[in-house]
N, C-alpha and C. Protein backbone atom coordinates (compact mmCIF):
# COMPACT_ATOMS: atom_id res chain seq x y z
N ILE A 1 -160.37 -61.30 -64.75
CA ILE A 1 -160.59 -61.63 -63.35
C ILE A 1 -160.80 -60.29 -62.63
N PRO A 2 -162.06 -59.91 -62.43
CA PRO A 2 -162.36 -58.58 -61.89
C PRO A 2 -161.65 -58.27 -60.56
N ASP A 3 -161.58 -59.25 -59.65
CA ASP A 3 -160.95 -59.01 -58.34
C ASP A 3 -159.49 -58.60 -58.48
N GLN A 4 -158.85 -59.00 -59.58
CA GLN A 4 -157.44 -58.69 -59.79
C GLN A 4 -157.23 -57.61 -60.82
N GLY A 5 -158.33 -57.08 -61.37
CA GLY A 5 -158.20 -56.08 -62.42
C GLY A 5 -157.51 -56.63 -63.66
N LEU A 6 -157.63 -57.93 -63.87
CA LEU A 6 -156.93 -58.60 -64.97
C LEU A 6 -157.84 -58.83 -66.16
N SER A 7 -157.40 -58.37 -67.30
CA SER A 7 -158.05 -58.67 -68.57
C SER A 7 -156.94 -59.05 -69.54
N VAL A 8 -157.05 -60.23 -70.14
CA VAL A 8 -155.98 -60.72 -71.01
C VAL A 8 -156.58 -61.41 -72.23
N ARG A 9 -155.97 -61.19 -73.38
CA ARG A 9 -156.39 -61.87 -74.61
C ARG A 9 -155.91 -63.32 -74.58
N VAL A 10 -156.72 -64.18 -75.19
CA VAL A 10 -156.40 -65.60 -75.28
C VAL A 10 -156.02 -65.92 -76.72
N TYR A 11 -154.91 -66.65 -76.88
CA TYR A 11 -154.40 -67.00 -78.20
C TYR A 11 -154.37 -68.52 -78.35
N GLU A 12 -154.50 -68.96 -79.59
CA GLU A 12 -154.38 -70.39 -79.88
C GLU A 12 -153.61 -70.56 -81.17
N SER A 13 -152.48 -71.25 -81.06
CA SER A 13 -151.67 -71.55 -82.23
C SER A 13 -150.98 -72.89 -81.98
N ASP A 14 -150.04 -73.23 -82.81
CA ASP A 14 -149.30 -74.47 -82.60
C ASP A 14 -148.18 -74.31 -81.58
N ASN A 15 -147.96 -73.07 -81.10
CA ASN A 15 -146.87 -72.81 -80.17
C ASN A 15 -147.41 -72.10 -78.93
N GLU A 16 -147.75 -72.89 -77.89
CA GLU A 16 -148.33 -72.31 -76.67
C GLU A 16 -147.37 -71.37 -75.96
N MET A 17 -146.07 -71.67 -76.02
CA MET A 17 -145.10 -70.79 -75.36
C MET A 17 -145.09 -69.42 -76.02
N GLU A 18 -145.17 -69.38 -77.34
CA GLU A 18 -145.23 -68.12 -78.06
C GLU A 18 -146.53 -67.38 -77.73
N ASP A 19 -147.63 -68.12 -77.64
CA ASP A 19 -148.91 -67.51 -77.28
C ASP A 19 -148.83 -66.86 -75.90
N MET A 20 -148.14 -67.51 -74.96
CA MET A 20 -148.04 -66.97 -73.61
C MET A 20 -147.16 -65.73 -73.56
N ASP A 21 -146.33 -65.51 -74.56
CA ASP A 21 -145.57 -64.26 -74.63
C ASP A 21 -146.48 -63.09 -74.97
N ARG A 22 -147.63 -63.38 -75.57
CA ARG A 22 -148.57 -62.33 -75.99
C ARG A 22 -149.76 -62.19 -75.05
N GLY A 23 -150.06 -63.22 -74.29
CA GLY A 23 -151.23 -63.21 -73.42
C GLY A 23 -151.40 -64.58 -72.79
N ALA A 24 -152.62 -65.09 -72.79
CA ALA A 24 -152.89 -66.44 -72.29
C ALA A 24 -152.99 -67.38 -73.50
N ALA A 25 -152.62 -68.62 -73.28
CA ALA A 25 -152.69 -69.63 -74.33
C ALA A 25 -153.84 -70.59 -74.03
N HIS A 26 -154.59 -70.95 -75.07
CA HIS A 26 -155.66 -71.93 -74.94
C HIS A 26 -155.08 -73.31 -75.21
N PHE A 27 -155.34 -74.26 -74.31
CA PHE A 27 -154.95 -75.65 -74.55
C PHE A 27 -155.88 -76.20 -75.62
N LYS A 28 -155.34 -76.51 -76.79
CA LYS A 28 -156.17 -76.97 -77.91
C LYS A 28 -156.89 -78.28 -77.61
N SER A 29 -156.42 -79.02 -76.64
CA SER A 29 -157.07 -80.29 -76.28
C SER A 29 -158.34 -80.05 -75.45
N THR A 30 -158.59 -78.80 -75.07
CA THR A 30 -159.78 -78.50 -74.28
C THR A 30 -160.80 -77.73 -75.13
N SER A 31 -161.99 -77.62 -74.59
CA SER A 31 -163.09 -76.96 -75.29
C SER A 31 -162.79 -75.48 -75.53
N ALA A 32 -163.38 -74.95 -76.57
CA ALA A 32 -163.29 -73.52 -76.84
C ALA A 32 -164.32 -72.74 -76.01
N PHE A 33 -165.43 -73.42 -75.62
CA PHE A 33 -166.47 -72.71 -74.87
C PHE A 33 -167.28 -73.63 -73.96
N ASP A 34 -167.88 -74.69 -74.49
CA ASP A 34 -168.68 -75.60 -73.68
C ASP A 34 -167.79 -76.66 -73.05
N GLY A 35 -168.06 -76.99 -71.78
CA GLY A 35 -167.25 -77.98 -71.09
C GLY A 35 -166.09 -77.32 -70.37
N ASN A 36 -164.93 -77.95 -70.42
CA ASN A 36 -163.75 -77.49 -69.69
C ASN A 36 -162.83 -76.71 -70.62
N VAL A 37 -162.70 -75.42 -70.37
CA VAL A 37 -161.81 -74.54 -71.15
C VAL A 37 -160.50 -74.43 -70.38
N GLY A 38 -159.40 -74.81 -70.99
CA GLY A 38 -158.09 -74.76 -70.34
C GLY A 38 -157.23 -73.64 -70.89
N LEU A 39 -156.69 -72.82 -69.98
CA LEU A 39 -155.83 -71.70 -70.36
C LEU A 39 -154.56 -71.71 -69.52
N SER A 40 -153.47 -71.23 -70.11
CA SER A 40 -152.22 -71.08 -69.37
C SER A 40 -151.61 -69.72 -69.67
N ALA A 41 -150.85 -69.22 -68.73
CA ALA A 41 -150.10 -67.97 -68.93
C ALA A 41 -148.94 -67.98 -67.94
N HIS A 42 -147.96 -67.15 -68.23
CA HIS A 42 -146.80 -67.06 -67.34
C HIS A 42 -147.17 -66.39 -66.03
N ASN A 43 -146.49 -66.81 -64.96
CA ASN A 43 -146.58 -66.05 -63.71
C ASN A 43 -145.47 -65.00 -63.68
N ILE A 44 -144.32 -65.35 -64.27
CA ILE A 44 -143.22 -64.41 -64.46
C ILE A 44 -142.72 -64.62 -65.89
N ASN A 45 -142.61 -63.55 -66.63
CA ASN A 45 -142.14 -63.64 -68.01
C ASN A 45 -140.63 -63.91 -68.04
N PHE A 46 -140.15 -64.37 -69.17
CA PHE A 46 -138.74 -64.72 -69.30
C PHE A 46 -137.82 -63.52 -69.05
N ASP A 47 -138.32 -62.30 -69.28
CA ASP A 47 -137.50 -61.11 -69.03
C ASP A 47 -137.58 -60.65 -67.57
N GLY A 48 -138.29 -61.42 -66.72
CA GLY A 48 -138.38 -61.11 -65.30
C GLY A 48 -139.57 -60.24 -64.92
N SER A 49 -140.31 -59.74 -65.91
CA SER A 49 -141.48 -58.93 -65.61
C SER A 49 -142.65 -59.81 -65.17
N ALA A 50 -143.64 -59.18 -64.58
CA ALA A 50 -144.81 -59.91 -64.07
C ALA A 50 -145.61 -60.51 -65.22
N GLY A 51 -145.96 -61.79 -65.08
CA GLY A 51 -146.81 -62.45 -66.05
C GLY A 51 -148.28 -62.23 -65.74
N TYR A 52 -149.13 -62.53 -66.71
CA TYR A 52 -150.56 -62.30 -66.53
C TYR A 52 -151.14 -63.11 -65.37
N PHE A 53 -150.64 -64.33 -65.15
CA PHE A 53 -151.20 -65.17 -64.09
C PHE A 53 -150.38 -65.10 -62.80
N ARG A 54 -149.63 -64.02 -62.62
CA ARG A 54 -148.77 -63.85 -61.43
C ARG A 54 -149.54 -63.99 -60.13
N ASP A 55 -150.75 -63.44 -60.07
CA ASP A 55 -151.48 -63.39 -58.80
C ASP A 55 -152.58 -64.44 -58.68
N LEU A 56 -152.58 -65.46 -59.53
CA LEU A 56 -153.63 -66.49 -59.44
C LEU A 56 -153.70 -67.11 -58.05
N TYR A 57 -152.56 -67.26 -57.41
CA TYR A 57 -152.51 -67.92 -56.10
C TYR A 57 -153.34 -67.18 -55.05
N THR A 58 -153.66 -65.91 -55.30
CA THR A 58 -154.42 -65.13 -54.32
C THR A 58 -155.93 -65.33 -54.44
N LEU A 59 -156.37 -66.00 -55.51
CA LEU A 59 -157.81 -66.21 -55.69
C LEU A 59 -158.37 -67.11 -54.59
N LYS A 60 -159.56 -66.80 -54.18
CA LYS A 60 -160.24 -67.58 -53.14
C LYS A 60 -161.50 -68.21 -53.73
N PRO A 61 -161.98 -69.31 -53.13
CA PRO A 61 -163.25 -69.88 -53.59
C PRO A 61 -164.35 -68.82 -53.62
N GLY A 62 -165.11 -68.82 -54.71
CA GLY A 62 -166.18 -67.85 -54.89
C GLY A 62 -165.79 -66.67 -55.76
N ALA A 63 -164.48 -66.44 -55.96
CA ALA A 63 -164.04 -65.35 -56.83
C ALA A 63 -164.55 -65.60 -58.25
N VAL A 64 -164.81 -64.53 -58.98
CA VAL A 64 -165.39 -64.64 -60.32
C VAL A 64 -164.32 -64.53 -61.39
N ILE A 65 -164.44 -65.39 -62.39
CA ILE A 65 -163.63 -65.32 -63.60
C ILE A 65 -164.60 -65.18 -64.76
N GLN A 66 -164.44 -64.15 -65.56
CA GLN A 66 -165.30 -63.95 -66.73
C GLN A 66 -164.51 -64.35 -67.97
N TYR A 67 -165.20 -64.99 -68.91
CA TYR A 67 -164.57 -65.45 -70.15
C TYR A 67 -165.45 -65.04 -71.31
N GLU A 68 -164.90 -64.24 -72.20
CA GLU A 68 -165.65 -63.72 -73.34
C GLU A 68 -165.03 -64.22 -74.63
N THR A 69 -165.87 -64.81 -75.49
CA THR A 69 -165.42 -65.29 -76.80
C THR A 69 -166.46 -64.87 -77.84
N ALA A 70 -166.17 -65.21 -79.08
CA ALA A 70 -167.14 -64.97 -80.15
C ALA A 70 -168.41 -65.81 -79.94
N LEU A 71 -168.29 -66.87 -79.13
CA LEU A 71 -169.42 -67.76 -78.85
C LEU A 71 -170.30 -67.24 -77.73
N GLY A 72 -169.82 -66.28 -76.97
CA GLY A 72 -170.60 -65.74 -75.86
C GLY A 72 -169.71 -65.40 -74.68
N THR A 73 -170.36 -65.07 -73.57
CA THR A 73 -169.65 -64.71 -72.34
C THR A 73 -170.16 -65.58 -71.21
N ARG A 74 -169.24 -66.04 -70.39
CA ARG A 74 -169.61 -66.85 -69.22
C ARG A 74 -168.92 -66.30 -67.98
N ALA A 75 -169.59 -66.47 -66.84
CA ALA A 75 -169.01 -66.14 -65.55
C ALA A 75 -168.85 -67.44 -64.77
N TYR A 76 -167.69 -67.61 -64.20
CA TYR A 76 -167.35 -68.82 -63.44
C TYR A 76 -166.99 -68.42 -62.02
N LYS A 77 -167.27 -69.32 -61.06
CA LYS A 77 -166.88 -69.08 -59.67
C LYS A 77 -165.78 -70.08 -59.30
N VAL A 78 -164.71 -69.57 -58.73
CA VAL A 78 -163.57 -70.39 -58.34
C VAL A 78 -164.01 -71.42 -57.31
N GLU A 79 -163.65 -72.67 -57.57
CA GLU A 79 -163.89 -73.76 -56.61
C GLU A 79 -162.60 -74.22 -55.96
N THR A 80 -161.51 -74.33 -56.77
CA THR A 80 -160.26 -74.83 -56.21
C THR A 80 -159.07 -74.03 -56.70
N VAL A 81 -158.12 -73.86 -55.80
CA VAL A 81 -156.81 -73.30 -56.11
C VAL A 81 -155.83 -74.28 -55.50
N THR A 82 -155.09 -75.00 -56.34
CA THR A 82 -154.27 -76.09 -55.83
C THR A 82 -152.97 -76.22 -56.61
N GLU A 83 -151.97 -76.81 -55.96
CA GLU A 83 -150.72 -77.12 -56.63
C GLU A 83 -150.80 -78.53 -57.18
N ILE A 84 -150.35 -78.69 -58.43
CA ILE A 84 -150.35 -80.00 -59.09
C ILE A 84 -148.97 -80.26 -59.68
N ALA A 85 -148.68 -81.52 -59.94
CA ALA A 85 -147.42 -81.87 -60.60
C ALA A 85 -147.44 -81.36 -62.03
N GLU A 86 -146.28 -80.98 -62.55
CA GLU A 86 -146.21 -80.46 -63.92
C GLU A 86 -146.66 -81.49 -64.95
N THR A 87 -146.72 -82.74 -64.55
CA THR A 87 -147.14 -83.82 -65.46
C THR A 87 -148.61 -84.21 -65.27
N ASP A 88 -149.31 -83.55 -64.36
CA ASP A 88 -150.72 -83.88 -64.08
C ASP A 88 -151.63 -83.06 -64.98
N TRP A 89 -152.10 -83.69 -66.05
CA TRP A 89 -152.98 -83.01 -67.00
C TRP A 89 -154.44 -83.37 -66.75
N SER A 90 -154.75 -84.07 -65.67
CA SER A 90 -156.11 -84.54 -65.41
C SER A 90 -157.10 -83.39 -65.22
N TYR A 91 -156.64 -82.25 -64.78
CA TYR A 91 -157.54 -81.11 -64.57
C TYR A 91 -158.04 -80.53 -65.89
N LEU A 92 -157.44 -80.97 -67.00
CA LEU A 92 -157.87 -80.49 -68.32
C LEU A 92 -158.80 -81.48 -69.01
N ASN A 93 -159.16 -82.56 -68.31
CA ASN A 93 -160.07 -83.55 -68.90
C ASN A 93 -161.43 -82.93 -69.22
N ARG A 94 -162.13 -83.57 -70.12
CA ARG A 94 -163.49 -83.12 -70.48
C ARG A 94 -164.40 -83.22 -69.27
N THR A 95 -165.36 -82.29 -69.20
CA THR A 95 -166.31 -82.29 -68.10
C THR A 95 -167.72 -82.09 -68.66
N GLU A 96 -168.71 -82.53 -67.91
CA GLU A 96 -170.11 -82.33 -68.29
C GLU A 96 -170.55 -80.90 -68.01
N ASP A 97 -169.98 -80.29 -66.95
CA ASP A 97 -170.34 -78.92 -66.62
C ASP A 97 -169.42 -77.95 -67.37
N ASN A 98 -169.79 -76.69 -67.35
CA ASN A 98 -168.95 -75.64 -67.94
C ASN A 98 -168.01 -75.13 -66.86
N ARG A 99 -166.71 -75.25 -67.14
CA ARG A 99 -165.71 -74.79 -66.19
C ARG A 99 -164.53 -74.22 -66.95
N ILE A 100 -163.72 -73.48 -66.23
CA ILE A 100 -162.50 -72.93 -66.79
C ILE A 100 -161.35 -73.34 -65.88
N THR A 101 -160.25 -73.77 -66.50
CA THR A 101 -159.08 -74.23 -65.76
C THR A 101 -157.91 -73.35 -66.16
N LEU A 102 -157.31 -72.68 -65.18
CA LEU A 102 -156.17 -71.81 -65.40
C LEU A 102 -154.93 -72.44 -64.78
N ILE A 103 -153.84 -72.51 -65.55
CA ILE A 103 -152.62 -73.16 -65.08
C ILE A 103 -151.44 -72.23 -65.31
N THR A 104 -150.55 -72.16 -64.31
CA THR A 104 -149.33 -71.37 -64.42
C THR A 104 -148.22 -72.02 -63.61
N CYS A 105 -147.00 -71.59 -63.86
CA CYS A 105 -145.85 -72.09 -63.08
C CYS A 105 -145.89 -71.53 -61.67
N ILE A 106 -145.09 -72.14 -60.79
CA ILE A 106 -144.95 -71.67 -59.42
C ILE A 106 -143.48 -71.33 -59.21
N THR A 107 -143.19 -70.10 -58.87
CA THR A 107 -141.82 -69.66 -58.66
C THR A 107 -141.16 -70.50 -57.57
N GLY A 108 -139.98 -71.03 -57.87
CA GLY A 108 -139.22 -71.82 -56.91
C GLY A 108 -139.63 -73.28 -56.85
N LYS A 109 -140.65 -73.68 -57.61
CA LYS A 109 -141.11 -75.07 -57.64
C LYS A 109 -141.25 -75.52 -59.10
N PRO A 110 -140.14 -75.76 -59.78
CA PRO A 110 -140.19 -76.05 -61.22
C PRO A 110 -140.97 -77.30 -61.59
N ALA A 111 -141.14 -78.24 -60.68
CA ALA A 111 -141.88 -79.47 -60.99
C ALA A 111 -143.37 -79.35 -60.67
N MET A 112 -143.81 -78.17 -60.23
CA MET A 112 -145.20 -77.98 -59.84
C MET A 112 -145.84 -76.88 -60.68
N ARG A 113 -147.18 -76.92 -60.73
CA ARG A 113 -147.97 -75.89 -61.39
C ARG A 113 -149.10 -75.48 -60.44
N LEU A 114 -149.53 -74.24 -60.58
CA LEU A 114 -150.70 -73.78 -59.85
C LEU A 114 -151.90 -73.97 -60.77
N CYS A 115 -152.95 -74.56 -60.24
CA CYS A 115 -154.15 -74.85 -61.03
C CYS A 115 -155.36 -74.23 -60.33
N VAL A 116 -156.08 -73.40 -61.07
CA VAL A 116 -157.32 -72.80 -60.58
C VAL A 116 -158.46 -73.35 -61.43
N GLN A 117 -159.47 -73.89 -60.77
CA GLN A 117 -160.66 -74.33 -61.50
C GLN A 117 -161.86 -73.57 -60.98
N ALA A 118 -162.66 -73.10 -61.96
CA ALA A 118 -163.88 -72.36 -61.63
C ALA A 118 -165.02 -72.92 -62.47
N VAL A 119 -166.21 -72.99 -61.88
CA VAL A 119 -167.37 -73.59 -62.52
C VAL A 119 -168.40 -72.50 -62.80
N GLU A 120 -169.07 -72.62 -63.95
CA GLU A 120 -170.09 -71.64 -64.31
C GLU A 120 -171.16 -71.58 -63.23
N GLY A 121 -171.55 -70.37 -62.91
CA GLY A 121 -172.60 -70.26 -61.92
C GLY A 121 -172.73 -68.89 -61.34
């Protein structure tokens, strides 16, 4: 995320919590490249240090998110920054367009998550 000076590796394994200790975790139920790519990372790590997605809440519509994989590189523009229930997985549903969905916890709101969606463009 250039506006935040953030560059983070994305991991995918059977343990998303472990992946988030190393970087961002890819939701295996989402696309690896085409369609809706879902990623999560801590906002605050368990040791109290800043997580990779700490400043997601500061993103504004139009901000750019770049995603680079072995399949290619895409640039996405933020459309929404919203709070969702921790049980609301609808933002990770399949889509016809190429988008990236970033999800993290919200400090002081354990039942909520911050969700950022950006669309290729």
